[in-house]
C-alpha atoms as a PDB file:
ATOM      1  CA  MET A   1     110.750 109.878 104.062  1.00  0.00           C
ATOM      2  CA  THR A   2     108.194 108.665 106.610  1.00  0.00           C
ATOM      3  CA  SER A   3     104.504 109.390 106.500  1.00  0.00           C
ATOM      4  CA  LEU A   4     102.265 108.901 109.519  1.00  0.00           C
ATOM      5  CA  LEU A   5      98.727 108.549 108.264  1.00  0.00           C
ATOM      6  CA  CYS A   6      95.385 109.477 109.728  1.00  0.00           C
ATOM      7  CA  ALA A   7      93.247 108.305 106.811  1.00  0.00           C
ATOM      8  CA  PRO A   8      89.468 109.014 106.735  1.00  0.00           C
ATOM      9  CA  LEU A   9      88.721 105.727 108.488  1.00  0.00           C
ATOM     10  CA  LEU A  10      91.314 106.427 111.160  1.00  0.00           C
ATOM     11  CA  LEU A  11      90.419 110.074 111.888  1.00  0.00           C
ATOM     12  CA  LEU A  12      88.251 109.218 114.863  1.00  0.00           C
ATOM     13  CA  ALA A  13      90.905 106.992 116.369  1.00  0.00           C
ATOM     14  CA  CYS A  14      93.444 109.780 115.921  1.00  0.00           C
ATOM     15  CA  ALA A  15      91.173 112.512 117.262  1.00  0.00           C
ATOM     16  CA  GLY A  16      91.004 111.389 120.884  1.00  0.00           C
ATOM     17  CA  PRO A  17      88.453 109.871 123.278  1.00  0.00           C
ATOM     18  CA  SER A  18      85.417 111.892 122.115  1.00  0.00           C
ATOM     19  CA  ASP A  19      84.213 114.419 119.547  1.00  0.00           C
ATOM     20  CA  GLU A  20      82.608 117.823 120.141  1.00  0.00           C
ATOM     21  CA  SER A  21      79.131 116.293 120.587  1.00  0.00           C
ATOM     22  CA  GLY A  22      80.389 114.088 123.415  1.00  0.00           C
ATOM     23  CA  GLN A  23      80.045 110.921 121.372  1.00  0.00           C
ATOM     24  CA  SER A  24      82.837 108.459 122.098  1.00  0.00           C
ATOM     25  CA  ALA A  25      85.364 107.736 119.356  1.00  0.00           C
ATOM     26  CA  ASP A  26      84.496 104.029 119.544  1.00  0.00           C
ATOM     27  CA  ALA A  27      80.796 104.723 119.029  1.00  0.00           C
ATOM     28  CA  ALA A  28      81.461 107.096 116.147  1.00  0.00           C
ATOM     29  CA  ARG A  29      83.845 104.595 114.588  1.00  0.00           C
ATOM     30  CA  ASP A  30      81.221 101.831 114.795  1.00  0.00           C
ATOM     31  CA  GLU A  31      78.681 104.149 113.192  1.00  0.00           C
ATOM     32  CA  MET A  32      81.103 104.847 110.304  1.00  0.00           C
ATOM     33  CA  ILE A  33      81.771 101.137 109.768  1.00  0.00           C
ATOM     34  CA  ALA A  34      78.020 100.509 109.636  1.00  0.00           C
ATOM     35  CA  ALA A  35      77.634 103.022 106.789  1.00  0.00           C
ATOM     36  CA  PRO A  36      80.601 102.623 104.433  1.00  0.00           C
ATOM     37  CA  GLY A  37      78.678 104.333 101.665  1.00  0.00           C
ATOM     38  CA  ASP A  38      79.460 107.676 103.307  1.00  0.00           C
ATOM     39  CA  ASN A  39      83.034 107.262 102.026  1.00  0.00           C
ATOM     40  CA  SER A  40      82.276 106.142  98.488  1.00  0.00           C
ATOM     41  CA  GLY A  41      84.655 108.760  97.140  1.00  0.00           C
ATOM     42  CA  ASN A  42      87.563 106.827  98.666  1.00  0.00           C
ATOM     43  CA  PRO A  43      87.856 103.313  97.165  1.00  0.00           C
ATOM     44  CA  ALA A  44      89.732 102.007 100.205  1.00  0.00           C
ATOM     45  CA  ALA A  45      87.250 103.441 102.700  1.00  0.00           C
ATOM     46  CA  GLY A  46      84.602 101.430 104.508  1.00  0.00           C
ATOM     47  CA  THR A  47      86.963  98.499 104.902  1.00  0.00           C
ATOM     48  CA  ARG A  48      88.235  98.819 108.468  1.00  0.00           C
ATOM     49  CA  PRO A  49      88.079  95.410 110.186  1.00  0.00           C
ATOM     50  CA  SER A  50      85.876  95.174 113.256  1.00  0.00           C
ATOM     51  CA  GLY A  51      87.402  94.169 116.592  1.00  0.00           C
ATOM     52  CA  GLN A  52      91.145  93.893 117.108  1.00  0.00           C
ATOM     53  CA  PRO A  53      93.099  95.315 114.126  1.00  0.00           C
ATOM     54  CA  ASP A  54      95.232  92.815 112.228  1.00  0.00           C
ATOM     55  CA  LEU A  55      98.459  94.787 111.740  1.00  0.00           C
ATOM     56  CA  VAL A  56     101.017  93.638 109.192  1.00  0.00           C
ATOM     57  CA  THR A  57     104.280  95.048 107.854  1.00  0.00           C
ATOM     58  CA  VAL A  58     105.055  94.654 104.149  1.00  0.00           C
ATOM     59  CA  GLU A  59     107.472  96.307 101.759  1.00  0.00           C
ATOM     60  CA  GLY A  60     107.601  96.583  98.010  1.00  0.00           C
ATOM     61  CA  ARG A  61     107.250  98.836  94.996  1.00  0.00           C
ATOM     62  CA  ILE A  62     104.158 100.951  94.415  1.00  0.00           C
ATOM     63  CA  ALA A  63     102.228 100.646  91.157  1.00  0.00           C
ATOM     64  CA  LYS A  64      98.919 101.937  89.873  1.00  0.00           C
ATOM     65  CA  GLY A  65      96.055  99.466  90.282  1.00  0.00           C
ATOM     66  CA  VAL A  66      92.526  99.284  88.923  1.00  0.00           C
ATOM     67  CA  GLU A  67      90.823 101.080  91.823  1.00  0.00           C
ATOM     68  CA  CYS A  68      93.648 101.745  94.296  1.00  0.00           C
ATOM     69  CA  LEU A  69      97.418 101.840  94.394  1.00  0.00           C
ATOM     70  CA  THR A  70      99.131  98.478  94.734  1.00  0.00           C
ATOM     71  CA  LEU A  71     102.290  97.357  96.496  1.00  0.00           C
ATOM     72  CA  LYS A  72     104.179  94.453  94.908  1.00  0.00           C
ATOM     73  CA  THR A  73     106.610  92.718  97.255  1.00  0.00           C
ATOM     74  CA  PRO A  74     109.880  91.081  96.117  1.00  0.00           C
ATOM     75  CA  ASP A  75     108.222  87.729  96.967  1.00  0.00           C
ATOM     76  CA  GLY A  76     105.463  88.357  94.419  1.00  0.00           C
ATOM     77  CA  GLU A  77     102.571  89.345  96.690  1.00  0.00           C
ATOM     78  CA  THR A  78     100.406  92.288  95.621  1.00  0.00           C
ATOM     79  CA  TRP A  79      98.548  94.383  98.196  1.00  0.00           C
ATOM     80  CA  ALA A  80      96.056  97.141  97.404  1.00  0.00           C
ATOM     81  CA  PHE A  81      96.028 100.317  99.513  1.00  0.00           C
ATOM     82  CA  ASN A  82      95.187 104.014  99.497  1.00  0.00           C
ATOM     83  CA  ALA A  83      98.057 106.379 100.246  1.00  0.00           C
ATOM     84  CA  GLY A  84      95.777 109.201 101.386  1.00  0.00           C
ATOM     85  CA  GLU A  85      97.861 112.374 101.738  1.00  0.00           C
ATOM     86  CA  ALA A  86     101.173 110.499 101.898  1.00  0.00           C
ATOM     87  CA  ASP A  87     103.727 111.776  99.388  1.00  0.00           C
ATOM     88  CA  PHE A  88     104.346 108.432  97.672  1.00  0.00           C
ATOM     89  CA  GLY A  89     103.299 107.133  94.285  1.00  0.00           C
ATOM     90  CA  PRO A  90     103.976 104.618  91.505  1.00  0.00           C
ATOM     91  CA  GLY A  91     107.643 103.615  91.295  1.00  0.00           C
ATOM     92  CA  ASP A  92     108.473 104.319  94.957  1.00  0.00           C
ATOM     93  CA  TYR A  93     109.799 101.491  97.136  1.00  0.00           C
ATOM     94  CA  VAL A  94     108.245 101.678 100.609  1.00  0.00           C
ATOM     95  CA  GLU A  95     107.374  99.832 103.785  1.00  0.00           C
ATOM     96  CA  ILE A  96     103.746  99.905 104.932  1.00  0.00           C
ATOM     97  CA  ILE A  97     102.479  99.136 108.416  1.00  0.00           C
ATOM     98  CA  GLY A  98      98.727  98.808 108.376  1.00  0.00           C
ATOM     99  CA  GLU A  99      95.542  96.872 108.997  1.00  0.00           C
ATOM    100  CA  VAL A 100      94.343  94.055 106.776  1.00  0.00           C
ATOM    101  CA  ALA A 101      90.839  94.898 105.601  1.00  0.00           C
ATOM    102  CA  ASP A 102      88.088  92.301 105.915  1.00  0.00           C
ATOM    103  CA  ALA A 103      86.433  93.662 102.757  1.00  0.00           C
ATOM    104  CA  SER A 104      87.532  96.072 100.066  1.00  0.00           C
ATOM    105  CA  PHE A 105      86.433  98.118  97.077  1.00  0.00           C
ATOM    106  CA  CYS A 106      89.903  97.647  95.609  1.00  0.00           C
ATOM    107  CA  GLN A 107      89.218  94.094  94.449  1.00  0.00           C
ATOM    108  CA  GLN A 108      92.849  93.208  93.944  1.00  0.00           C
ATOM    109  CA  ARG A 109      95.344  90.470  94.762  1.00  0.00           C
ATOM    110  CA  THR A 110      96.599  89.363  98.201  1.00  0.00           C
ATOM    111  CA  GLY A 111      94.434  91.784 100.167  1.00  0.00           C
ATOM    112  CA  THR A 112      93.842  95.423 101.027  1.00  0.00           C
ATOM    113  CA  LEU A 113      95.834  97.385 103.593  1.00  0.00           C
ATOM    114  CA  ILE A 114      94.632 100.392 105.563  1.00  0.00           C
ATOM    115  CA  PRO A 115      97.981 102.122 106.191  1.00  0.00           C
ATOM    116  CA  ARG A 116      98.980 103.383 109.613  1.00  0.00           C
ATOM    117  CA  ARG A 117     102.448 104.337 108.419  1.00  0.00           C
ATOM    118  CA  ILE A 118     104.304 104.490 105.085  1.00  0.00           C
ATOM    119  CA  GLU A 119     108.084 104.849 104.994  1.00  0.00           C
ATOM    120  CA  ALA A 120     110.607 104.940 102.122  1.00  0.00           C
ATOM    121  CA  LYS A 121     112.985 101.959 102.082  1.00  0.00           C
ATOM    122  CA  SER A 122     116.045 100.947 100.071  1.00  0.00           C
ATOM    123  CA  PRO A 123     115.050  98.135  97.690  1.00  0.00           C
ATOM    124  CA  PRO A 124     116.742  94.733  97.992  1.00  0.00           C
ATOM    125  CA  ALA A 125     118.645  93.219  95.093  1.00  0.00           C
ATOM    126  CA  ARG A 126     115.773  90.908  94.170  1.00  0.00           C
ATOM    127  CA  ASP A 127     113.403  93.847  93.681  1.00  0.00           C
ATOM    128  CA  ARG A 128     112.987  94.171  89.928  1.00  0.00           C
ATOM    129  CA  ASP A 129     113.079  97.901  89.324  1.00  0.00           C
ATOM    130  CA  PRO A 130     113.555  98.596  85.593  1.00  0.00           C
ATOM    131  CA  ALA A 131     115.479 101.744  86.499  1.00  0.00           C
ATOM    132  CA  ARG A 132     118.246  99.573  88.006  1.00  0.00           C
ATOM    133  CA  ALA A 133     118.804  98.058  84.580  1.00  0.00           C
ATOM    134  CA  GLY A 134     118.912 101.373  82.776  1.00  0.00           C
ATOM    135  CA  GLY A 135     115.823 100.348  80.831  1.00  0.00           C
ATOM    136  CA  LEU A 136     117.614  97.404  79.160  1.00  0.00           C
ATOM    137  CA  ALA A 137     115.987  93.977  78.968  1.00  0.00           C
ATOM    138  CA  VAL A 138     117.752  90.650  79.463  1.00  0.00           C
ATOM    139  CA  THR A 139     117.873  89.075  75.992  1.00  0.00           C
ATOM    140  CA  GLY A 140     119.800  86.236  74.395  1.00  0.00           C
ATOM    141  CA  GLU A 141     121.894  88.700  72.433  1.00  0.00           C
ATOM    142  CA  TYR A 142     122.712  90.694  75.565  1.00  0.00           C
ATOM    143  CA  VAL A 143     123.910  87.729  77.639  1.00  0.00           C
ATOM    144  CA  ARG A 144     125.946  85.882  75.007  1.00  0.00           C
ATOM    145  CA  GLY A 145     129.692  86.356  75.287  1.00  0.00           C
ATOM    146  CA  ASN A 146     132.479  86.101  77.861  1.00  0.00           C
ATOM    147  CA  TRP A 147     132.023  87.716  81.272  1.00  0.00           C
ATOM    148  CA  VAL A 148     134.304  88.694  84.168  1.00  0.00           C
ATOM    149  CA  ALA A 149     133.479  90.055  87.606  1.00  0.00           C
ATOM    150  CA  LYS A 150     133.711  93.839  87.689  1.00  0.00           C
ATOM    151  CA  GLY A 151     136.802  95.100  89.505  1.00  0.00           C
ATOM    152  CA  LEU A 152     140.514  95.758  89.326  1.00  0.00           C
ATOM    153  CA  ASN A 153     141.302  92.042  88.921  1.00  0.00           C
ATOM    154  CA  ALA A 154     139.026  91.539  85.907  1.00  0.00           C
ATOM    155  CA  ASP A 155     140.902  89.532  83.282  1.00  0.00           C
ATOM    156  CA  CYS A 156     139.177  88.761  79.996  1.00  0.00           C
ATOM    157  CA  ALA A 157     141.940  86.314  79.169  1.00  0.00           C
ATOM    158  CA  ARG A 158     140.375  84.146  81.904  1.00  0.00           C
ATOM    159  CA  PRO A 159     136.615  84.847  81.848  1.00  0.00           C
ATOM    160  CA  ASP A 160     134.500  83.798  84.817  1.00  0.00           C
ATOM    161  CA  PHE A 161     131.811  82.369  82.572  1.00  0.00           C
ATOM    162  CA  ALA A 162     130.844  82.110  78.937  1.00  0.00           C
ATOM    163  CA  VAL A 163     127.359  82.202  77.429  1.00  0.00           C
ATOM    164  CA  SER A 164     126.699  80.801  73.961  1.00  0.00           C
ATOM    165  CA  ALA A 165     123.713  79.628  71.922  1.00  0.00           C
ATOM    166  CA  ASN A 166     123.020  75.923  71.452  1.00  0.00           C
ATOM    167  CA  SER A 167     121.438  74.301  68.391  1.00  0.00           C
ATOM    168  CA  ARG A 168     117.951  75.192  69.655  1.00  0.00           C
ATOM    169  CA  GLY A 169     118.827  78.846  70.173  1.00  0.00           C
ATOM    170  CA  MET A 170     118.933  78.615  73.970  1.00  0.00           C
ATOM    171  CA  SER A 171     121.568  80.575  75.865  1.00  0.00           C
ATOM    172  CA  ILE A 172     123.894  78.176  77.695  1.00  0.00           C
ATOM    173  CA  ILE A 173     126.262  79.218  80.492  1.00  0.00           C
ATOM    174  CA  GLU A 174     129.474  77.357  81.285  1.00  0.00           C
ATOM    175  CA  THR A 175     131.207  78.199  84.562  1.00  0.00           C
ATOM    176  CA  ARG A 176     132.090  76.847  88.012  1.00  0.00           C
ATOM    177  CA  VAL A 177     129.536  76.712  90.818  1.00  0.00           C
ATOM    178  CA  ASN A 178     130.749  75.954  94.334  1.00  0.00           C
ATOM    179  CA  GLY A 179     134.080  75.001  92.830  1.00  0.00           C
ATOM    180  CA  TYR A 180     132.751  72.464  90.316  1.00  0.00           C
ATOM    181  CA  PRO A 181     132.263  72.796  86.538  1.00  0.00           C
ATOM    182  CA  GLU A 182     128.611  73.420  85.712  1.00  0.00           C
ATOM    183  CA  THR A 183     126.521  73.984  82.603  1.00  0.00           C
ATOM    184  CA  GLY A 184     123.196  75.751  82.853  1.00  0.00           C
ATOM    185  CA  VAL A 185     120.568  77.709  80.967  1.00  0.00           C
ATOM    186  CA  VAL A 186     120.211  81.486  80.953  1.00  0.00           C
ATOM    187  CA  ASP A 187     116.474  82.158  81.215  1.00  0.00           C
ATOM    188  CA  VAL A 188     115.738  85.395  79.347  1.00  0.00           C
ATOM    189  CA  GLY A 189     111.964  85.278  79.948  1.00  0.00           C
ATOM    190  CA  PRO A 190     109.840  87.423  82.298  1.00  0.00           C
ATOM    191  CA  THR A 191     111.962  86.445  85.333  1.00  0.00           C
ATOM    192  CA  PRO A 192     115.560  86.262  84.019  1.00  0.00           C
ATOM    193  CA  ALA A 193     117.796  83.838  85.889  1.00  0.00           C
ATOM    194  CA  LEU A 194     120.599  81.294  85.727  1.00  0.00           C
ATOM    195  CA  GLN A 195     119.207  77.771  85.960  1.00  0.00           C
ATOM    196  CA  TRP A 196     121.262  74.595  86.441  1.00  0.00           C
ATOM    197  CA  ASP A 197     121.078  70.918  85.580  1.00  0.00           C
ATOM    198  CA  GLU A 198     122.177  69.984  89.094  1.00  0.00           C
ATOM    199  CA  PRO A 199     120.007  70.646  92.177  1.00  0.00           C
ATOM    200  CA  LEU A 200     121.433  74.120  92.592  1.00  0.00           C
ATOM    201  CA  PRO A 201     119.404  77.250  93.390  1.00  0.00           C
ATOM    202  CA  THR A 202     118.179  79.470  90.585  1.00  0.00           C
ATOM    203  CA  LEU A 203     120.058  82.802  90.550  1.00  0.00           C
ATOM    204  CA  PRO A 204     118.103  85.876  89.370  1.00  0.00           C
ATOM    205  CA  ILE A 205     119.911  88.191  86.944  1.00  0.00           C
ATOM    206  CA  GLU A 206     119.468  91.813  85.841  1.00  0.00           C
ATOM    207  CA  THR A 207     121.168  93.928  83.227  1.00  0.00           C
ATOM    208  CA  ARG A 208     123.459  96.700  84.347  1.00  0.00           C
ATOM    209  CA  GLY A 209     123.567  98.462  81.017  1.00  0.00           C
ATOM    210  CA  PRO A 210     125.136  98.812  78.654  1.00  0.00           C
ATOM    211  CA  ASP A 211     127.518  95.890  79.288  1.00  0.00           C
ATOM    212  CA  GLY A 212     126.935  94.630  82.831  1.00  0.00           C
ATOM    213  CA  LEU A 213     125.031  91.663  84.248  1.00  0.00           C
ATOM    214  CA  ALA A 214     124.165  91.390  87.940  1.00  0.00           C
ATOM    215  CA  VAL A 215     123.893  87.867  89.355  1.00  0.00           C
ATOM    216  CA  MET A 216     121.860  87.958  92.562  1.00  0.00           C
ATOM    217  CA  PRO A 217     121.250  85.574  95.468  1.00  0.00           C
ATOM    218  CA  ALA A 218     118.670  82.819  95.324  1.00  0.00           C
ATOM    219  CA  ALA A 219     115.202  83.632  96.644  1.00  0.00           C
ATOM    220  CA  ASP A 220     115.557  81.060  99.439  1.00  0.00           C
ATOM    221  CA  GLY A 221     118.764  82.691 100.673  1.00  0.00           C
ATOM    222  CA  GLU A 222     121.073  79.796  99.793  1.00  0.00           C
ATOM    223  CA  VAL A 223     124.540  81.205  99.117  1.00  0.00           C
ATOM    224  CA  VAL A 224     126.667  79.793  96.293  1.00  0.00           C
ATOM    225  CA  THR A 225     129.918  80.793  94.636  1.00  0.00           C
ATOM    226  CA  LEU A 226     129.976  81.495  90.902  1.00  0.00           C
ATOM    227  CA  ALA A 227     133.464  81.250  89.405  1.00  0.00           C
ATOM    228  CA  GLY A 228     134.837  81.801  92.901  1.00  0.00           C
ATOM    229  CA  HIS A 229     132.645  84.853  93.610  1.00  0.00           C
ATOM    230  CA  ARG A 230     130.259  84.609  96.563  1.00  0.00           C
ATOM    231  CA  ILE A 231     126.723  85.490  95.447  1.00  0.00           C
ATOM    232  CA  ASP A 232     125.087  87.176  98.416  1.00  0.00           C
ATOM    233  CA  GLY A 233     123.919  90.590  99.564  1.00  0.00           C
ATOM    234  CA  ASP A 234     123.284  92.784  96.528  1.00  0.00           C
ATOM    235  CA  GLY A 235     124.840  90.203  94.216  1.00  0.00           C
ATOM    236  CA  VAL A 236     127.891  90.411  91.955  1.00  0.00           C
ATOM    237  CA  VAL A 237     128.128  92.495  88.782  1.00  0.00           C
ATOM    238  CA  PHE A 238     129.917  90.964  85.791  1.00  0.00           C
ATOM    239  CA  VAL A 239     130.983  92.878  82.688  1.00  0.00           C
ATOM    240  CA  LYS A 240     131.118  91.568  79.140  1.00  0.00           C
ATOM    241  CA  CYS A 241     134.500  91.205  77.488  1.00  0.00           C
ATOM    242  CA  ALA A 242     135.051  92.843  74.122  1.00  0.00           C
ATOM    243  CA  ASP A 243     134.852  90.470  71.160  1.00  0.00           C
END
């Protein structure tokens, strides 16, 4: 779904060279910018930058903010924006092309966007959508056990990795990374991931309930192999072996 926007601040630019009174669109636009209070009903109004627009393209998942909607990118940035009449809302993953506002009523995060266009996009693997995990959280209990890559060649007699608890209750993974034996920690905190003692990239993980675990590529794009499986693209899903 694509939405081309002509938000209240952009109406004059969309309307053409002049209005019915003969006033130029540029003059009317400048008059609107000078009196942002006229749009107090729209929290994102009155924020159009003067001069040359600073257009950016960002993508992420929409959430409800304090004053406006927000867009959280997979890299952790949060932009505020107003969707206007666009048919998108919290939970949708979209791409926004818009202007960066010099000032904003939204008072939130990286900045405020005045959208020119909003389009639905397929989320990348590193986007943390709870729906992808079936509502299941990554916990120590969930990750502990023997795991094999999902597929016809899965063999629980030869698991790809094993996760167990150490004396301090931490979840420890034993496997092969890039062909070498490695021991690491399974972080089950707010940003679940596989972390290693060696200078290897952290690999984000997500549940694929009720018995799956997706291992996804590192944020910096470095590709590694985990138990012989190349971790790239949308990652590799492993399934837990029965006890």
